[in-house]
């Protein structure tokens, strides 16, 4: 009787366990594969691994990159809602039939930023083709949360380095979302779906260890107090204060730092001073602003963005 009971339980339980399942595991620089999204730095190799349960050496695999095709969205009109991001599905043909695949985040749809190639976010899907002709897949474009791909979808984010400005680059390859929103841990930026200008800055601050809430340009100065202000600009592009003096870029407290926020009250826009470019040591129109403004995040000279305006408030996170 006991044997019959065990056999019955096994038939019920073992049958359920035998249902094929597949998932993606990720490894960094040859480390052990593990579930969960991969966050890595430039120069580290990310490898995706297929885990099929129960294992079947005869299974064949197809790997796909899921990347947004949308440049910009508005969550606020006619009233707040989560506007849906559109995604393209692209097979990674170089990984066909392989149990592993490189976690390359290079976009093929959205524009890449010169000098920041190989950085940003990419989502992946895996399909296992079984010998009996059936197919099992990991979650893909049908798995939607807050307008974009949910936490169930495997994602890889590669940043430039472990600095505040480095964490900004994790959101490359994502769209601009005016009014991006969500509770902590499920904010659209933290889900690697997209962000607006202020949430991009806050995302990087939070990733770099600062306790900053998601706020708009109207209140971001409450968490990043003003250090300097430019009210004018010379004909050669240098920003000047109310006395006509240049705003110097350097390490001292009374100078602009790379990584400071540049808030443009007139256009309600904010970005981050990403790089001081020649002429060095002074804030000018050649310096790079990392921002997102009705286009995916990018780093571009201040003179090339219509989202910049005077005055310029220089803010710094506490």
C-alpha atoms as a PDB file:
ATOM      1  CA  UNK A   1       0.000   0.000   0.000  1.00  0.00           C
ATOM      2  CA  UNK A   2       2.807   2.393   0.929  1.00  0.00           C
ATOM      3  CA  UNK A   3       4.608   1.487  -2.283  1.00  0.00           C
ATOM      4  CA  UNK A   4       1.457   2.212  -4.297  1.00  0.00           C
ATOM      5  CA  UNK A   5       1.061   5.568  -2.529  1.00  0.00           C
ATOM      6  CA  UNK A   6       4.665   6.545  -3.248  1.00  0.00           C
ATOM      7  CA  UNK A   7       4.255   5.460  -6.857  1.00  0.00           C
ATOM      8  CA  UNK A   8       1.094   7.538  -7.157  1.00  0.00           C
ATOM      9  CA  UNK A   9       2.796  10.602  -5.674  1.00  0.00           C
ATOM     10  CA  UNK A  10       5.721  10.126  -8.004  1.00  0.00           C
ATOM     11  CA  UNK A  11       3.492   9.878 -11.034  1.00  0.00           C
ATOM     12  CA  UNK A  12       1.786  13.134 -10.068  1.00  0.00           C
ATOM     13  CA  UNK A  13       4.836  14.960  -8.808  1.00  0.00           C
ATOM     14  CA  UNK A  14       7.413  13.641 -11.213  1.00  0.00           C
ATOM     15  CA  UNK A  15       5.172  14.410 -14.152  1.00  0.00           C
ATOM     16  CA  UNK A  16       4.961  18.048 -13.046  1.00  0.00           C
ATOM     17  CA  UNK A  17       8.708  18.227 -12.518  1.00  0.00           C
ATOM     18  CA  UNK A  18       9.320  16.728 -15.938  1.00  0.00           C
ATOM     19  CA  UNK A  19       7.554  19.611 -17.691  1.00  0.00           C
ATOM     20  CA  UNK A  20      10.386  21.283 -19.620  1.00  0.00           C
ATOM     21  CA  UNK A  21      11.472  24.700 -18.405  1.00  0.00           C
ATOM     22  CA  UNK A  22      14.220  26.976 -19.639  1.00  0.00           C
ATOM     23  CA  UNK A  23      15.850  30.029 -18.142  1.00  0.00           C
ATOM     24  CA  UNK A  24      18.834  32.281 -18.735  1.00  0.00           C
ATOM     25  CA  UNK A  25      21.721  32.444 -16.307  1.00  0.00           C
ATOM     26  CA  UNK A  26      24.437  35.068 -16.508  1.00  0.00           C
ATOM     27  CA  UNK A  27      28.123  35.065 -15.665  1.00  0.00           C
ATOM     28  CA  UNK A  28      30.712  37.836 -15.516  1.00  0.00           C
ATOM     29  CA  UNK A  29      34.383  37.259 -16.344  1.00  0.00           C
ATOM     30  CA  UNK A  30      34.093  33.496 -16.079  1.00  0.00           C
ATOM     31  CA  UNK A  31      32.305  33.513 -12.737  1.00  0.00           C
ATOM     32  CA  UNK A  32      29.614  30.988 -11.862  1.00  0.00           C
ATOM     33  CA  UNK A  33      26.372  31.425 -13.833  1.00  0.00           C
ATOM     34  CA  UNK A  34      23.510  32.731 -11.717  1.00  0.00           C
ATOM     35  CA  UNK A  35      19.916  33.869 -12.220  1.00  0.00           C
ATOM     36  CA  UNK A  36      18.976  37.528 -12.030  1.00  0.00           C
ATOM     37  CA  UNK A  37      19.940  40.499 -14.125  1.00  0.00           C
ATOM     38  CA  UNK A  38      23.593  41.133 -14.823  1.00  0.00           C
ATOM     39  CA  UNK A  39      25.207  44.477 -13.989  1.00  0.00           C
ATOM     40  CA  UNK A  40      28.765  44.721 -15.247  1.00  0.00           C
ATOM     41  CA  UNK A  41      31.497  47.232 -16.043  1.00  0.00           C
ATOM     42  CA  UNK A  42      33.123  48.033 -19.337  1.00  0.00           C
ATOM     43  CA  UNK A  43      35.812  45.457 -20.089  1.00  0.00           C
ATOM     44  CA  UNK A  44      34.060  42.639 -18.251  1.00  0.00           C
ATOM     45  CA  UNK A  45      32.783  39.755 -20.348  1.00  0.00           C
ATOM     46  CA  UNK A  46      29.147  38.828 -19.820  1.00  0.00           C
ATOM     47  CA  UNK A  47      28.075  35.361 -20.961  1.00  0.00           C
ATOM     48  CA  UNK A  48      24.493  34.102 -21.062  1.00  0.00           C
ATOM     49  CA  UNK A  49      23.912  30.419 -20.276  1.00  0.00           C
ATOM     50  CA  UNK A  50      20.927  28.257 -21.191  1.00  0.00           C
ATOM     51  CA  UNK A  51      19.557  26.133 -18.337  1.00  0.00           C
ATOM     52  CA  UNK A  52      17.051  23.527 -19.503  1.00  0.00           C
ATOM     53  CA  UNK A  53      15.147  21.460 -16.949  1.00  0.00           C
ATOM     54  CA  UNK A  54      15.200  18.520 -17.303  1.00  0.00           C
ATOM     55  CA  UNK A  55      18.468  18.638 -19.256  1.00  0.00           C
ATOM     56  CA  UNK A  56      18.444  17.298 -22.787  1.00  0.00           C
ATOM     57  CA  UNK A  57      21.703  17.297 -24.795  1.00  0.00           C
ATOM     58  CA  UNK A  58      19.680  17.075 -28.005  1.00  0.00           C
ATOM     59  CA  UNK A  59      17.987  20.447 -27.421  1.00  0.00           C
ATOM     60  CA  UNK A  60      18.792  23.318 -29.754  1.00  0.00           C
ATOM     61  CA  UNK A  61      18.719  26.948 -28.718  1.00  0.00           C
ATOM     62  CA  UNK A  62      17.782  30.255 -30.272  1.00  0.00           C
ATOM     63  CA  UNK A  63      18.899  33.511 -28.643  1.00  0.00           C
ATOM     64  CA  UNK A  64      17.182  36.857 -29.201  1.00  0.00           C
ATOM     65  CA  UNK A  65      17.880  40.482 -28.274  1.00  0.00           C
ATOM     66  CA  UNK A  66      14.829  42.571 -27.400  1.00  0.00           C
ATOM     67  CA  UNK A  67      15.492  46.251 -27.938  1.00  0.00           C
ATOM     68  CA  UNK A  68      13.276  49.313 -27.877  1.00  0.00           C
ATOM     69  CA  UNK A  69      12.362  51.015 -31.117  1.00  0.00           C
ATOM     70  CA  UNK A  70      10.794  54.022 -29.406  1.00  0.00           C
ATOM     71  CA  UNK A  71      12.857  57.203 -29.043  1.00  0.00           C
ATOM     72  CA  UNK A  72      10.552  59.114 -26.692  1.00  0.00           C
ATOM     73  CA  UNK A  73       7.265  58.647 -24.841  1.00  0.00           C
ATOM     74  CA  UNK A  74       4.936  60.798 -22.754  1.00  0.00           C
ATOM     75  CA  UNK A  75       3.242  59.251 -19.710  1.00  0.00           C
ATOM     76  CA  UNK A  76       1.354  62.421 -18.831  1.00  0.00           C
ATOM     77  CA  UNK A  77      -1.167  63.036 -21.628  1.00  0.00           C
ATOM     78  CA  UNK A  78      -4.135  63.184 -21.507  1.00  0.00           C
ATOM     79  CA  UNK A  79      -3.634  62.006 -17.919  1.00  0.00           C
ATOM     80  CA  UNK A  80      -0.970  59.890 -16.241  1.00  0.00           C
ATOM     81  CA  UNK A  81      -0.580  56.389 -17.593  1.00  0.00           C
ATOM     82  CA  UNK A  82       2.258  54.052 -18.569  1.00  0.00           C
ATOM     83  CA  UNK A  83       2.771  54.531 -22.287  1.00  0.00           C
ATOM     84  CA  UNK A  84       3.838  51.257 -23.896  1.00  0.00           C
ATOM     85  CA  UNK A  85       7.354  50.908 -25.251  1.00  0.00           C
ATOM     86  CA  UNK A  86       7.660  49.083 -28.573  1.00  0.00           C
ATOM     87  CA  UNK A  87      10.396  46.470 -28.970  1.00  0.00           C
ATOM     88  CA  UNK A  88      12.097  44.754 -31.881  1.00  0.00           C
ATOM     89  CA  UNK A  89      13.062  41.087 -31.629  1.00  0.00           C
ATOM     90  CA  UNK A  90      16.394  40.256 -33.257  1.00  0.00           C
ATOM     91  CA  UNK A  91      17.874  36.771 -33.393  1.00  0.00           C
ATOM     92  CA  UNK A  92      21.519  36.515 -32.395  1.00  0.00           C
ATOM     93  CA  UNK A  93      22.438  34.230 -35.257  1.00  0.00           C
ATOM     94  CA  UNK A  94      26.023  33.777 -34.109  1.00  0.00           C
ATOM     95  CA  UNK A  95      24.707  31.947 -31.049  1.00  0.00           C
ATOM     96  CA  UNK A  96      22.304  29.643 -32.893  1.00  0.00           C
ATOM     97  CA  UNK A  97      22.217  26.110 -31.428  1.00  0.00           C
ATOM     98  CA  UNK A  98      24.720  27.125 -28.754  1.00  0.00           C
ATOM     99  CA  UNK A  99      24.049  26.758 -24.997  1.00  0.00           C
ATOM    100  CA  UNK A 100      25.853  30.043 -24.336  1.00  0.00           C
ATOM    101  CA  UNK A 101      25.865  33.503 -25.898  1.00  0.00           C
ATOM    102  CA  UNK A 102      27.741  36.726 -25.223  1.00  0.00           C
ATOM    103  CA  UNK A 103      25.650  39.359 -23.450  1.00  0.00           C
ATOM    104  CA  UNK A 104      26.366  42.129 -25.960  1.00  0.00           C
ATOM    105  CA  UNK A 105      24.366  45.329 -25.315  1.00  0.00           C
ATOM    106  CA  UNK A 106      25.257  47.066 -28.588  1.00  0.00           C
ATOM    107  CA  UNK A 107      22.043  48.541 -30.035  1.00  0.00           C
ATOM    108  CA  UNK A 108      20.924  47.881 -33.604  1.00  0.00           C
ATOM    109  CA  UNK A 109      17.892  50.191 -33.522  1.00  0.00           C
ATOM    110  CA  UNK A 110      18.500  53.159 -31.233  1.00  0.00           C
ATOM    111  CA  UNK A 111      21.522  55.346 -31.988  1.00  0.00           C
ATOM    112  CA  UNK A 112      24.743  54.659 -30.108  1.00  0.00           C
ATOM    113  CA  UNK A 113      26.799  57.395 -28.470  1.00  0.00           C
ATOM    114  CA  UNK A 114      30.349  57.867 -29.817  1.00  0.00           C
ATOM    115  CA  UNK A 115      32.876  56.913 -27.170  1.00  0.00           C
ATOM    116  CA  UNK A 116      30.309  54.945 -25.165  1.00  0.00           C
ATOM    117  CA  UNK A 117      29.868  51.991 -27.474  1.00  0.00           C
ATOM    118  CA  UNK A 118      29.206  48.682 -25.743  1.00  0.00           C
ATOM    119  CA  UNK A 119      27.512  50.337 -22.762  1.00  0.00           C
ATOM    120  CA  UNK A 120      23.880  50.430 -21.739  1.00  0.00           C
ATOM    121  CA  UNK A 121      21.008  47.992 -21.388  1.00  0.00           C
ATOM    122  CA  UNK A 122      19.773  45.063 -23.458  1.00  0.00           C
ATOM    123  CA  UNK A 123      17.066  42.451 -22.831  1.00  0.00           C
ATOM    124  CA  UNK A 124      17.325  38.840 -23.983  1.00  0.00           C
ATOM    125  CA  UNK A 125      15.057  35.901 -24.681  1.00  0.00           C
ATOM    126  CA  UNK A 126      15.953  32.233 -25.090  1.00  0.00           C
ATOM    127  CA  UNK A 127      13.959  29.574 -26.945  1.00  0.00           C
ATOM    128  CA  UNK A 128      14.787  25.882 -26.485  1.00  0.00           C
ATOM    129  CA  UNK A 129      13.746  23.568 -29.327  1.00  0.00           C
ATOM    130  CA  UNK A 130      13.195  20.037 -28.039  1.00  0.00           C
ATOM    131  CA  UNK A 131      13.591  16.782 -29.995  1.00  0.00           C
ATOM    132  CA  UNK A 132       9.817  16.135 -29.965  1.00  0.00           C
ATOM    133  CA  UNK A 133       9.256  19.398 -31.843  1.00  0.00           C
ATOM    134  CA  UNK A 134       8.014  21.438 -28.898  1.00  0.00           C
ATOM    135  CA  UNK A 135       9.564  24.738 -27.884  1.00  0.00           C
ATOM    136  CA  UNK A 136       9.876  26.402 -24.489  1.00  0.00           C
ATOM    137  CA  UNK A 137      10.919  30.007 -24.029  1.00  0.00           C
ATOM    138  CA  UNK A 138      11.863  32.510 -21.389  1.00  0.00           C
ATOM    139  CA  UNK A 139       9.618  35.599 -21.014  1.00  0.00           C
ATOM    140  CA  UNK A 140       9.774  38.040 -23.919  1.00  0.00           C
ATOM    141  CA  UNK A 141       7.874  41.009 -25.264  1.00  0.00           C
ATOM    142  CA  UNK A 142       4.594  39.694 -23.857  1.00  0.00           C
ATOM    143  CA  UNK A 143       5.911  40.218 -20.300  1.00  0.00           C
ATOM    144  CA  UNK A 144       5.075  43.879 -19.686  1.00  0.00           C
ATOM    145  CA  UNK A 145       5.351  45.911 -16.491  1.00  0.00           C
ATOM    146  CA  UNK A 146       4.828  49.677 -16.249  1.00  0.00           C
ATOM    147  CA  UNK A 147       4.860  50.007 -20.017  1.00  0.00           C
ATOM    148  CA  UNK A 148       8.079  48.103 -20.646  1.00  0.00           C
ATOM    149  CA  UNK A 149       9.692  44.701 -20.284  1.00  0.00           C
ATOM    150  CA  UNK A 150       9.147  43.318 -16.801  1.00  0.00           C
ATOM    151  CA  UNK A 151      11.552  41.941 -14.230  1.00  0.00           C
ATOM    152  CA  UNK A 152      10.817  38.460 -15.605  1.00  0.00           C
ATOM    153  CA  UNK A 153      12.703  39.322 -18.788  1.00  0.00           C
ATOM    154  CA  UNK A 154      16.459  38.775 -18.544  1.00  0.00           C
ATOM    155  CA  UNK A 155      18.432  42.002 -18.874  1.00  0.00           C
ATOM    156  CA  UNK A 156      22.084  43.013 -18.950  1.00  0.00           C
ATOM    157  CA  UNK A 157      23.305  46.499 -18.024  1.00  0.00           C
ATOM    158  CA  UNK A 158      26.908  47.493 -18.660  1.00  0.00           C
ATOM    159  CA  UNK A 159      28.266  50.752 -17.261  1.00  0.00           C
ATOM    160  CA  UNK A 160      31.444  52.686 -17.941  1.00  0.00           C
ATOM    161  CA  UNK A 161      32.743  52.484 -14.352  1.00  0.00           C
ATOM    162  CA  UNK A 162      31.632  52.633 -10.711  1.00  0.00           C
ATOM    163  CA  UNK A 163      31.345  56.421 -10.493  1.00  0.00           C
ATOM    164  CA  UNK A 164      28.162  58.490 -10.520  1.00  0.00           C
ATOM    165  CA  UNK A 165      28.769  59.410 -14.148  1.00  0.00           C
ATOM    166  CA  UNK A 166      29.534  55.771 -14.914  1.00  0.00           C
ATOM    167  CA  UNK A 167      26.176  54.584 -13.584  1.00  0.00           C
ATOM    168  CA  UNK A 168      24.431  57.034 -15.909  1.00  0.00           C
ATOM    169  CA  UNK A 169      25.603  54.928 -18.841  1.00  0.00           C
ATOM    170  CA  UNK A 170      23.568  51.901 -17.722  1.00  0.00           C
ATOM    171  CA  UNK A 171      20.489  53.604 -19.178  1.00  0.00           C
ATOM    172  CA  UNK A 172      21.949  54.018 -22.644  1.00  0.00           C
ATOM    173  CA  UNK A 173      19.777  52.220 -25.231  1.00  0.00           C
ATOM    174  CA  UNK A 174      16.551  53.087 -23.384  1.00  0.00           C
ATOM    175  CA  UNK A 175      13.948  55.654 -24.472  1.00  0.00           C
ATOM    176  CA  UNK A 176      13.168  59.022 -22.968  1.00  0.00           C
ATOM    177  CA  UNK A 177       9.947  58.764 -20.958  1.00  0.00           C
ATOM    178  CA  UNK A 178       8.439  62.084 -19.889  1.00  0.00           C
ATOM    179  CA  UNK A 179       6.905  61.477 -16.480  1.00  0.00           C
ATOM    180  CA  UNK A 180       8.706  58.196 -15.829  1.00  0.00           C
ATOM    181  CA  UNK A 181       7.393  56.814 -12.573  1.00  0.00           C
ATOM    182  CA  UNK A 182       7.020  53.906 -10.200  1.00  0.00           C
ATOM    183  CA  UNK A 183       7.694  53.048  -6.558  1.00  0.00           C
ATOM    184  CA  UNK A 184      11.271  52.505  -5.355  1.00  0.00           C
ATOM    185  CA  UNK A 185      12.560  49.226  -6.725  1.00  0.00           C
ATOM    186  CA  UNK A 186       9.932  49.255  -9.471  1.00  0.00           C
ATOM    187  CA  UNK A 187      10.531  52.669 -10.956  1.00  0.00           C
ATOM    188  CA  UNK A 188      10.724  52.620 -14.739  1.00  0.00           C
ATOM    189  CA  UNK A 189      14.386  53.600 -14.602  1.00  0.00           C
ATOM    190  CA  UNK A 190      15.173  50.830 -12.093  1.00  0.00           C
ATOM    191  CA  UNK A 191      13.360  48.366 -14.331  1.00  0.00           C
ATOM    192  CA  UNK A 192      15.723  49.564 -17.094  1.00  0.00           C
ATOM    193  CA  UNK A 193      12.727  50.618 -19.182  1.00  0.00           C
ATOM    194  CA  UNK A 194      13.539  54.325 -19.571  1.00  0.00           C
ATOM    195  CA  UNK A 195      13.558  57.656 -17.758  1.00  0.00           C
ATOM    196  CA  UNK A 196      13.082  61.377 -18.015  1.00  0.00           C
ATOM    197  CA  UNK A 197      15.889  63.845 -17.412  1.00  0.00           C
ATOM    198  CA  UNK A 198      15.553  64.106 -13.629  1.00  0.00           C
ATOM    199  CA  UNK A 199      14.999  60.388 -13.077  1.00  0.00           C
ATOM    200  CA  UNK A 200      18.104  59.578 -15.110  1.00  0.00           C
ATOM    201  CA  UNK A 201      20.161  61.654 -12.659  1.00  0.00           C
ATOM    202  CA  UNK A 202      18.440  60.163  -9.611  1.00  0.00           C
ATOM    203  CA  UNK A 203      18.859  56.625 -10.951  1.00  0.00           C
ATOM    204  CA  UNK A 204      22.632  57.083 -11.163  1.00  0.00           C
ATOM    205  CA  UNK A 205      22.717  58.692  -7.723  1.00  0.00           C
ATOM    206  CA  UNK A 206      20.852  55.769  -6.196  1.00  0.00           C
ATOM    207  CA  UNK A 207      23.024  53.223  -8.029  1.00  0.00           C
ATOM    208  CA  UNK A 208      26.123  54.945  -6.677  1.00  0.00           C
ATOM    209  CA  UNK A 209      24.867  54.657  -3.079  1.00  0.00           C
ATOM    210  CA  UNK A 210      23.069  57.938  -2.440  1.00  0.00           C
ATOM    211  CA  UNK A 211      19.717  57.962  -0.669  1.00  0.00           C
ATOM    212  CA  UNK A 212      17.846  60.188  -3.121  1.00  0.00           C
ATOM    213  CA  UNK A 213      14.118  59.848  -3.928  1.00  0.00           C
ATOM    214  CA  UNK A 214      12.824  60.083  -7.459  1.00  0.00           C
ATOM    215  CA  UNK A 215      11.856  63.722  -8.001  1.00  0.00           C
ATOM    216  CA  UNK A 216      11.241  66.142 -10.847  1.00  0.00           C
ATOM    217  CA  UNK A 217      13.288  69.119 -11.993  1.00  0.00           C
ATOM    218  CA  UNK A 218      11.051  71.252  -9.770  1.00  0.00           C
ATOM    219  CA  UNK A 219      12.455  69.750  -6.580  1.00  0.00           C
ATOM    220  CA  UNK A 220      15.763  68.090  -7.477  1.00  0.00           C
ATOM    221  CA  UNK A 221      17.640  71.058  -5.967  1.00  0.00           C
ATOM    222  CA  UNK A 222      16.237  70.017  -2.567  1.00  0.00           C
ATOM    223  CA  UNK A 223      18.555  66.992  -2.755  1.00  0.00           C
ATOM    224  CA  UNK A 224      21.367  68.539  -4.806  1.00  0.00           C
ATOM    225  CA  UNK A 225      21.906  72.100  -3.493  1.00  0.00           C
ATOM    226  CA  UNK A 226      23.052  74.839  -5.837  1.00  0.00           C
ATOM    227  CA  UNK A 227      26.803  75.541  -5.791  1.00  0.00           C
ATOM    228  CA  UNK A 228      27.173  78.006  -8.663  1.00  0.00           C
ATOM    229  CA  UNK A 229      25.037  79.766 -11.233  1.00  0.00           C
ATOM    230  CA  UNK A 230      25.734  80.989 -14.766  1.00  0.00           C
ATOM    231  CA  UNK A 231      23.617  83.847 -16.018  1.00  0.00           C
ATOM    232  CA  UNK A 232      25.493  84.708 -19.226  1.00  0.00           C
ATOM    233  CA  UNK A 233      27.608  83.277 -21.998  1.00  0.00           C
ATOM    234  CA  UNK A 234      30.456  84.809 -23.971  1.00  0.00           C
ATOM    235  CA  UNK A 235      30.636  84.751 -27.751  1.00  0.00           C
ATOM    236  CA  UNK A 236      33.134  81.883 -27.568  1.00  0.00           C
ATOM    237  CA  UNK A 237      30.723  79.796 -25.465  1.00  0.00           C
ATOM    238  CA  UNK A 238      32.046  80.270 -21.932  1.00  0.00           C
ATOM    239  CA  UNK A 239      29.445  80.446 -19.180  1.00  0.00           C
ATOM    240  CA  UNK A 240      29.743  83.393 -16.799  1.00  0.00           C
ATOM    241  CA  UNK A 241      28.245  84.376 -13.457  1.00  0.00           C
ATOM    242  CA  UNK A 242      26.367  87.567 -12.611  1.00  0.00           C
ATOM    243  CA  UNK A 243      29.676  89.477 -12.431  1.00  0.00           C
ATOM    244  CA  UNK A 244      30.817  88.237 -15.837  1.00  0.00           C
ATOM    245  CA  UNK A 245      33.372  85.838 -14.401  1.00  0.00           C
ATOM    246  CA  UNK A 246      33.878  82.375 -15.970  1.00  0.00           C
ATOM    247  CA  UNK A 247      32.714  79.299 -14.124  1.00  0.00           C
ATOM    248  CA  UNK A 248      35.900  77.338 -13.608  1.00  0.00           C
ATOM    249  CA  UNK A 249      35.945  73.536 -13.745  1.00  0.00           C
ATOM    250  CA  UNK A 250      38.193  71.920 -11.165  1.00  0.00           C
ATOM    251  CA  UNK A 251      38.443  70.028  -7.866  1.00  0.00           C
ATOM    252  CA  UNK A 252      37.726  72.893  -5.468  1.00  0.00           C
ATOM    253  CA  UNK A 253      34.370  73.507  -3.784  1.00  0.00           C
ATOM    254  CA  UNK A 254      33.935  76.846  -5.524  1.00  0.00           C
ATOM    255  CA  UNK A 255      34.491  75.269  -8.965  1.00  0.00           C
ATOM    256  CA  UNK A 256      32.274  73.140 -11.179  1.00  0.00           C
ATOM    257  CA  UNK A 257      32.937  69.403 -10.855  1.00  0.00           C
ATOM    258  CA  UNK A 258      32.522  66.746 -13.478  1.00  0.00           C
ATOM    259  CA  UNK A 259      29.433  64.946 -12.177  1.00  0.00           C
ATOM    260  CA  UNK A 260      27.630  68.114 -11.106  1.00  0.00           C
ATOM    261  CA  UNK A 261      24.057  68.538 -12.272  1.00  0.00           C
ATOM    262  CA  UNK A 262      23.332  71.339 -14.701  1.00  0.00           C
ATOM    263  CA  UNK A 263      19.778  72.535 -14.198  1.00  0.00           C
ATOM    264  CA  UNK A 264      18.199  74.797 -16.799  1.00  0.00           C
ATOM    265  CA  UNK A 265      15.160  76.377 -15.099  1.00  0.00           C
ATOM    266  CA  UNK A 266      13.868  78.093 -18.231  1.00  0.00           C
ATOM    267  CA  UNK A 267      13.521  74.803 -20.103  1.00  0.00           C
ATOM    268  CA  UNK A 268      12.860  72.663 -16.996  1.00  0.00           C
ATOM    269  CA  UNK A 269      15.690  70.383 -17.982  1.00  0.00           C
ATOM    270  CA  UNK A 270      18.563  68.811 -16.079  1.00  0.00           C
ATOM    271  CA  UNK A 271      21.643  66.852 -17.105  1.00  0.00           C
ATOM    272  CA  UNK A 272      25.089  65.987 -15.793  1.00  0.00           C
ATOM    273  CA  UNK A 273      28.446  67.541 -16.675  1.00  0.00           C
ATOM    274  CA  UNK A 274      30.009  64.409 -18.145  1.00  0.00           C
ATOM    275  CA  UNK A 275      33.329  65.650 -19.493  1.00  0.00           C
ATOM    276  CA  UNK A 276      35.317  68.875 -19.488  1.00  0.00           C
ATOM    277  CA  UNK A 277      36.525  69.390 -23.067  1.00  0.00           C
ATOM    278  CA  UNK A 278      38.950  71.988 -24.425  1.00  0.00           C
ATOM    279  CA  UNK A 279      39.291  74.711 -23.483  1.00  0.00           C
ATOM    280  CA  UNK A 280      39.916  72.805 -20.253  1.00  0.00           C
ATOM    281  CA  UNK A 281      39.172  74.228 -16.828  1.00  0.00           C
ATOM    282  CA  UNK A 282      36.160  76.334 -17.758  1.00  0.00           C
ATOM    283  CA  UNK A 283      32.484  75.511 -18.261  1.00  0.00           C
ATOM    284  CA  UNK A 284      31.714  76.160 -21.908  1.00  0.00           C
ATOM    285  CA  UNK A 285      29.588  75.038 -24.815  1.00  0.00           C
ATOM    286  CA  UNK A 286      32.110  72.343 -25.833  1.00  0.00           C
ATOM    287  CA  UNK A 287      31.733  70.416 -22.569  1.00  0.00           C
ATOM    288  CA  UNK A 288      29.731  67.202 -22.663  1.00  0.00           C
ATOM    289  CA  UNK A 289      26.297  66.997 -21.079  1.00  0.00           C
ATOM    290  CA  UNK A 290      24.919  63.540 -20.300  1.00  0.00           C
ATOM    291  CA  UNK A 291      21.152  63.786 -20.456  1.00  0.00           C
ATOM    292  CA  UNK A 292      17.913  62.603 -21.996  1.00  0.00           C
ATOM    293  CA  UNK A 293      15.602  65.134 -23.614  1.00  0.00           C
ATOM    294  CA  UNK A 294      12.924  63.784 -25.974  1.00  0.00           C
ATOM    295  CA  UNK A 295      15.552  61.338 -27.176  1.00  0.00           C
ATOM    296  CA  UNK A 296      17.409  58.380 -25.622  1.00  0.00           C
ATOM    297  CA  UNK A 297      20.198  59.182 -23.145  1.00  0.00           C
ATOM    298  CA  UNK A 298      23.363  60.494 -24.742  1.00  0.00           C
ATOM    299  CA  UNK A 299      26.477  62.546 -24.081  1.00  0.00           C
ATOM    300  CA  UNK A 300      26.725  65.591 -26.350  1.00  0.00           C
ATOM    301  CA  UNK A 301      28.314  69.057 -26.327  1.00  0.00           C
ATOM    302  CA  UNK A 302      26.179  71.651 -24.612  1.00  0.00           C
ATOM    303  CA  UNK A 303      26.106  73.678 -27.805  1.00  0.00           C
ATOM    304  CA  UNK A 304      24.363  70.816 -29.634  1.00  0.00           C
ATOM    305  CA  UNK A 305      21.309  70.508 -27.425  1.00  0.00           C
ATOM    306  CA  UNK A 306      18.300  72.801 -27.641  1.00  0.00           C
ATOM    307  CA  UNK A 307      17.308  71.649 -24.153  1.00  0.00           C
ATOM    308  CA  UNK A 308      20.028  73.802 -22.545  1.00  0.00           C
ATOM    309  CA  UNK A 309      19.236  77.419 -21.686  1.00  0.00           C
ATOM    310  CA  UNK A 310      20.259  80.284 -19.450  1.00  0.00           C
ATOM    311  CA  UNK A 311      20.507  80.595 -16.527  1.00  0.00           C
ATOM    312  CA  UNK A 312      22.389  77.430 -15.572  1.00  0.00           C
ATOM    313  CA  UNK A 313      22.192  76.299 -11.964  1.00  0.00           C
ATOM    314  CA  UNK A 314      25.097  74.053 -10.963  1.00  0.00           C
ATOM    315  CA  UNK A 315      23.850  71.509  -8.405  1.00  0.00           C
ATOM    316  CA  UNK A 316      25.665  68.830  -6.464  1.00  0.00           C
ATOM    317  CA  UNK A 317      24.214  65.796  -4.694  1.00  0.00           C
ATOM    318  CA  UNK A 318      24.962  65.711  -1.022  1.00  0.00           C
END
